[in-house]
Amino acid sequence: MTLSLTLVCVWAISANLMAMIPSRDNHWSRAYLLIALGIPLLGYVTYQNGPWVGLIVLIAGMSVLRWPVIYLTRWIRRQQ
């Protein structure tokens, strides 16, 4: 297993642990942190393992952070 995939596993475990802890802002500050760490990590995974593995990691990250993705798609639809 490459370093980038190991870091993705650590990211996923930390995302699940952060989701278990109660939050006053509905976990949005944690979501911003995970997005900020996840985007460069996704690029690193794609660079090191290829585009198909990068796509799988992208889908996995979108399933973890599904509400930011839902709100983004709603915002894009309103802009059209």
N, C-alpha and C. Protein backbone atom coordinates (compact mmCIF):
# COMPACT_ATOMS: atom_id res chain seq x y z
N MET A 1 0.85 -1.17 0.00
CA MET A 1 0.00 0.00 0.00
C MET A 1 0.90 1.24 0.00
N THR A 2 0.58 2.17 -0.85
CA THR A 2 1.41 3.36 -0.98
C THR A 2 1.13 4.34 0.16
N LEU A 3 2.00 5.32 0.28
CA LEU A 3 1.86 6.33 1.32
C LEU A 3 0.57 7.12 1.15
N SER A 4 0.23 7.44 -0.10
CA SER A 4 -0.98 8.23 -0.33
C SER A 4 -2.24 7.48 0.09
N LEU A 5 -2.31 6.19 -0.17
CA LEU A 5 -3.48 5.41 0.24
C LEU A 5 -3.53 5.26 1.76
N THR A 6 -2.37 5.17 2.38
CA THR A 6 -2.33 5.13 3.85
C THR A 6 -2.86 6.44 4.43
N LEU A 7 -2.47 7.56 3.84
CA LEU A 7 -2.96 8.86 4.30
C LEU A 7 -4.47 9.00 4.07
N VAL A 8 -4.97 8.43 2.99
CA VAL A 8 -6.42 8.45 2.74
C VAL A 8 -7.15 7.64 3.81
N CYS A 9 -6.60 6.52 4.19
CA CYS A 9 -7.21 5.72 5.26
C CYS A 9 -7.22 6.49 6.58
N VAL A 10 -6.14 7.18 6.89
CA VAL A 10 -6.08 8.01 8.10
C VAL A 10 -7.11 9.13 8.01
N TRP A 11 -7.26 9.74 6.84
CA TRP A 11 -8.25 10.80 6.62
C TRP A 11 -9.66 10.26 6.86
N ALA A 12 -9.95 9.08 6.33
CA ALA A 12 -11.29 8.50 6.48
C ALA A 12 -11.59 8.14 7.94
N ILE A 13 -10.61 7.60 8.63
CA ILE A 13 -10.82 7.26 10.04
C ILE A 13 -11.01 8.52 10.87
N SER A 14 -10.22 9.55 10.60
CA SER A 14 -10.37 10.79 11.35
C SER A 14 -11.70 11.46 11.02
N ALA A 15 -12.17 11.36 9.79
CA ALA A 15 -13.48 11.92 9.43
C ALA A 15 -14.59 11.22 10.19
N ASN A 16 -14.50 9.92 10.32
CA ASN A 16 -15.52 9.19 11.07
C ASN A 16 -15.46 9.51 12.56
N LEU A 17 -14.26 9.67 13.10
CA LEU A 17 -14.15 10.04 14.51
C LEU A 17 -14.68 11.44 14.76
N MET A 18 -14.41 12.37 13.84
CA MET A 18 -14.92 13.73 13.99
C MET A 18 -16.45 13.77 13.91
N ALA A 19 -17.03 12.87 13.12
CA ALA A 19 -18.48 12.84 13.00
C ALA A 19 -19.15 12.33 14.27
N MET A 20 -18.44 11.55 15.06
CA MET A 20 -19.01 11.01 16.29
C MET A 20 -19.05 12.01 17.44
N ILE A 21 -18.21 13.04 17.36
CA ILE A 21 -18.13 14.02 18.44
C ILE A 21 -19.19 15.10 18.19
N PRO A 22 -19.99 15.44 19.20
CA PRO A 22 -21.01 16.49 19.00
C PRO A 22 -20.40 17.84 18.63
N SER A 23 -21.19 18.63 17.89
CA SER A 23 -20.71 19.92 17.42
C SER A 23 -21.85 20.93 17.45
N ARG A 24 -21.50 22.19 17.74
CA ARG A 24 -22.52 23.24 17.78
C ARG A 24 -22.85 23.78 16.40
N ASP A 25 -21.95 23.66 15.46
CA ASP A 25 -22.19 24.21 14.12
C ASP A 25 -22.52 23.13 13.09
N ASN A 26 -23.08 22.01 13.54
CA ASN A 26 -23.47 20.90 12.66
C ASN A 26 -22.30 20.36 11.84
N HIS A 27 -21.12 20.39 12.41
CA HIS A 27 -19.91 19.80 11.84
C HIS A 27 -19.38 20.52 10.60
N TRP A 28 -19.82 21.74 10.33
CA TRP A 28 -19.36 22.44 9.13
C TRP A 28 -17.90 22.84 9.22
N SER A 29 -17.43 23.27 10.39
CA SER A 29 -16.01 23.64 10.50
C SER A 29 -15.12 22.42 10.29
N ARG A 30 -15.55 21.28 10.75
CA ARG A 30 -14.79 20.06 10.52
C ARG A 30 -14.84 19.64 9.05
N ALA A 31 -15.98 19.87 8.41
CA ALA A 31 -16.10 19.55 6.99
C ALA A 31 -15.14 20.42 6.17
N TYR A 32 -15.04 21.70 6.52
CA TYR A 32 -14.11 22.59 5.80
C TYR A 32 -12.67 22.11 5.98
N LEU A 33 -12.33 21.66 7.19
CA LEU A 33 -10.98 21.14 7.44
C LEU A 33 -10.73 19.88 6.61
N LEU A 34 -11.71 18.98 6.58
CA LEU A 34 -11.55 17.74 5.81
C LEU A 34 -11.44 18.02 4.32
N ILE A 35 -12.20 19.01 3.84
CA ILE A 35 -12.10 19.37 2.42
C ILE A 35 -10.72 19.95 2.12
N ALA A 36 -10.25 20.83 3.00
CA ALA A 36 -8.94 21.45 2.79
C ALA A 36 -7.81 20.43 2.80
N LEU A 37 -7.94 19.39 3.59
CA LEU A 37 -6.92 18.34 3.60
C LEU A 37 -7.15 17.31 2.49
N GLY A 38 -8.40 17.10 2.12
CA GLY A 38 -8.73 16.05 1.17
C GLY A 38 -8.40 16.38 -0.27
N ILE A 39 -8.51 17.65 -0.66
CA ILE A 39 -8.24 18.00 -2.06
C ILE A 39 -6.78 17.76 -2.44
N PRO A 40 -5.80 18.25 -1.66
CA PRO A 40 -4.41 17.91 -2.02
C PRO A 40 -4.11 16.42 -1.91
N LEU A 41 -4.75 15.77 -0.95
CA LEU A 41 -4.56 14.33 -0.79
C LEU A 41 -5.10 13.57 -1.99
N LEU A 42 -6.22 14.03 -2.53
CA LEU A 42 -6.78 13.42 -3.74
C LEU A 42 -5.82 13.58 -4.92
N GLY A 43 -5.22 14.74 -5.04
CA GLY A 43 -4.23 14.94 -6.10
C GLY A 43 -3.03 14.04 -5.94
N TYR A 44 -2.59 13.86 -4.70
CA TYR A 44 -1.45 12.99 -4.42
C TYR A 44 -1.78 11.53 -4.75
N VAL A 45 -2.98 11.09 -4.39
CA VAL A 45 -3.40 9.72 -4.70
C VAL A 45 -3.45 9.53 -6.21
N THR A 46 -4.02 10.50 -6.92
CA THR A 46 -4.13 10.39 -8.38
C THR A 46 -2.75 10.37 -9.02
N TYR A 47 -1.84 11.20 -8.53
CA TYR A 47 -0.48 11.24 -9.06
C TYR A 47 0.25 9.93 -8.83
N GLN A 48 0.08 9.37 -7.64
CA GLN A 48 0.86 8.19 -7.28
C GLN A 48 0.24 6.88 -7.78
N ASN A 49 -1.10 6.81 -7.87
CA ASN A 49 -1.75 5.54 -8.17
C ASN A 49 -2.55 5.53 -9.46
N GLY A 50 -2.71 6.67 -10.11
CA GLY A 50 -3.43 6.71 -11.36
C GLY A 50 -4.84 7.28 -11.22
N PRO A 51 -5.45 7.60 -12.36
CA PRO A 51 -6.75 8.27 -12.32
C PRO A 51 -7.90 7.40 -11.83
N TRP A 52 -7.85 6.10 -12.05
CA TRP A 52 -8.96 5.25 -11.61
C TRP A 52 -9.01 5.14 -10.09
N VAL A 53 -7.86 4.99 -9.47
CA VAL A 53 -7.82 4.95 -8.01
C VAL A 53 -8.19 6.32 -7.46
N GLY A 54 -7.76 7.39 -8.13
CA GLY A 54 -8.14 8.73 -7.73
C GLY A 54 -9.64 8.93 -7.80
N LEU A 55 -10.28 8.39 -8.82
CA LEU A 55 -11.73 8.48 -8.95
C LEU A 55 -12.43 7.72 -7.84
N ILE A 56 -11.93 6.56 -7.48
CA ILE A 56 -12.51 5.79 -6.39
C ILE A 56 -12.38 6.54 -5.07
N VAL A 57 -11.23 7.15 -4.84
CA VAL A 57 -11.03 7.93 -3.62
C VAL A 57 -11.93 9.16 -3.62
N LEU A 58 -12.13 9.78 -4.77
CA LEU A 58 -13.03 10.93 -4.88
C LEU A 58 -14.46 10.52 -4.51
N ILE A 59 -14.93 9.41 -5.03
CA ILE A 59 -16.27 8.94 -4.71
C ILE A 59 -16.39 8.60 -3.23
N ALA A 60 -15.36 8.00 -2.66
CA ALA A 60 -15.38 7.68 -1.22
C ALA A 60 -15.42 8.96 -0.39
N GLY A 61 -14.64 9.96 -0.78
CA GLY A 61 -14.66 11.24 -0.06
C GLY A 61 -15.99 11.95 -0.19
N MET A 62 -16.62 11.86 -1.37
CA MET A 62 -17.92 12.47 -1.55
C MET A 62 -19.00 11.76 -0.74
N SER A 63 -18.84 10.48 -0.50
CA SER A 63 -19.81 9.78 0.33
C SER A 63 -19.66 10.15 1.80
N VAL A 64 -18.45 10.47 2.21
CA VAL A 64 -18.22 10.90 3.59
C VAL A 64 -18.72 12.33 3.78
N LEU A 65 -18.43 13.20 2.84
CA LEU A 65 -18.82 14.61 2.91
C LEU A 65 -20.00 14.87 1.98
N ARG A 66 -21.09 14.15 2.15
CA ARG A 66 -22.19 14.23 1.20
C ARG A 66 -22.97 15.54 1.29
N TRP A 67 -23.12 16.14 2.47
CA TRP A 67 -23.90 17.37 2.56
C TRP A 67 -23.22 18.56 1.91
N PRO A 68 -21.92 18.74 2.03
CA PRO A 68 -21.31 19.82 1.24
C PRO A 68 -21.47 19.62 -0.27
N VAL A 69 -21.46 18.38 -0.73
CA VAL A 69 -21.65 18.10 -2.15
C VAL A 69 -23.09 18.42 -2.56
N ILE A 70 -24.05 18.05 -1.72
CA ILE A 70 -25.46 18.35 -2.01
C ILE A 70 -25.69 19.85 -2.08
N TYR A 71 -25.16 20.59 -1.11
CA TYR A 71 -25.33 22.04 -1.12
C TYR A 71 -24.62 22.68 -2.31
N LEU A 72 -23.47 22.15 -2.71
CA LEU A 72 -22.76 22.68 -3.87
C LEU A 72 -23.57 22.46 -5.14
N THR A 73 -24.15 21.28 -5.31
CA THR A 73 -24.95 21.04 -6.51
C THR A 73 -26.21 21.91 -6.52
N ARG A 74 -26.81 22.13 -5.37
CA ARG A 74 -27.97 23.03 -5.31
C ARG A 74 -27.57 24.45 -5.68
N TRP A 75 -26.42 24.91 -5.21
CA TRP A 75 -25.96 26.25 -5.52
C TRP A 75 -25.66 26.41 -7.00
N ILE A 76 -25.06 25.38 -7.60
CA ILE A 76 -24.74 25.43 -9.04
C ILE A 76 -26.04 25.47 -9.85
N ARG A 77 -27.03 24.72 -9.46
CA ARG A 77 -28.31 24.73 -10.19
C ARG A 77 -28.99 26.11 -10.08
N ARG A 78 -28.88 26.77 -8.94
CA ARG A 78 -29.48 28.09 -8.78
C ARG A 78 -28.76 29.14 -9.62
N GLN A 79 -27.49 28.95 -9.89
CA GLN A 79 -26.72 29.92 -10.66
C GLN A 79 -27.04 29.86 -12.16
N GLN A 80 -27.62 28.80 -12.61
CA GLN A 80 -27.90 28.65 -14.04
C GLN A 80 -29.15 29.37 -14.46
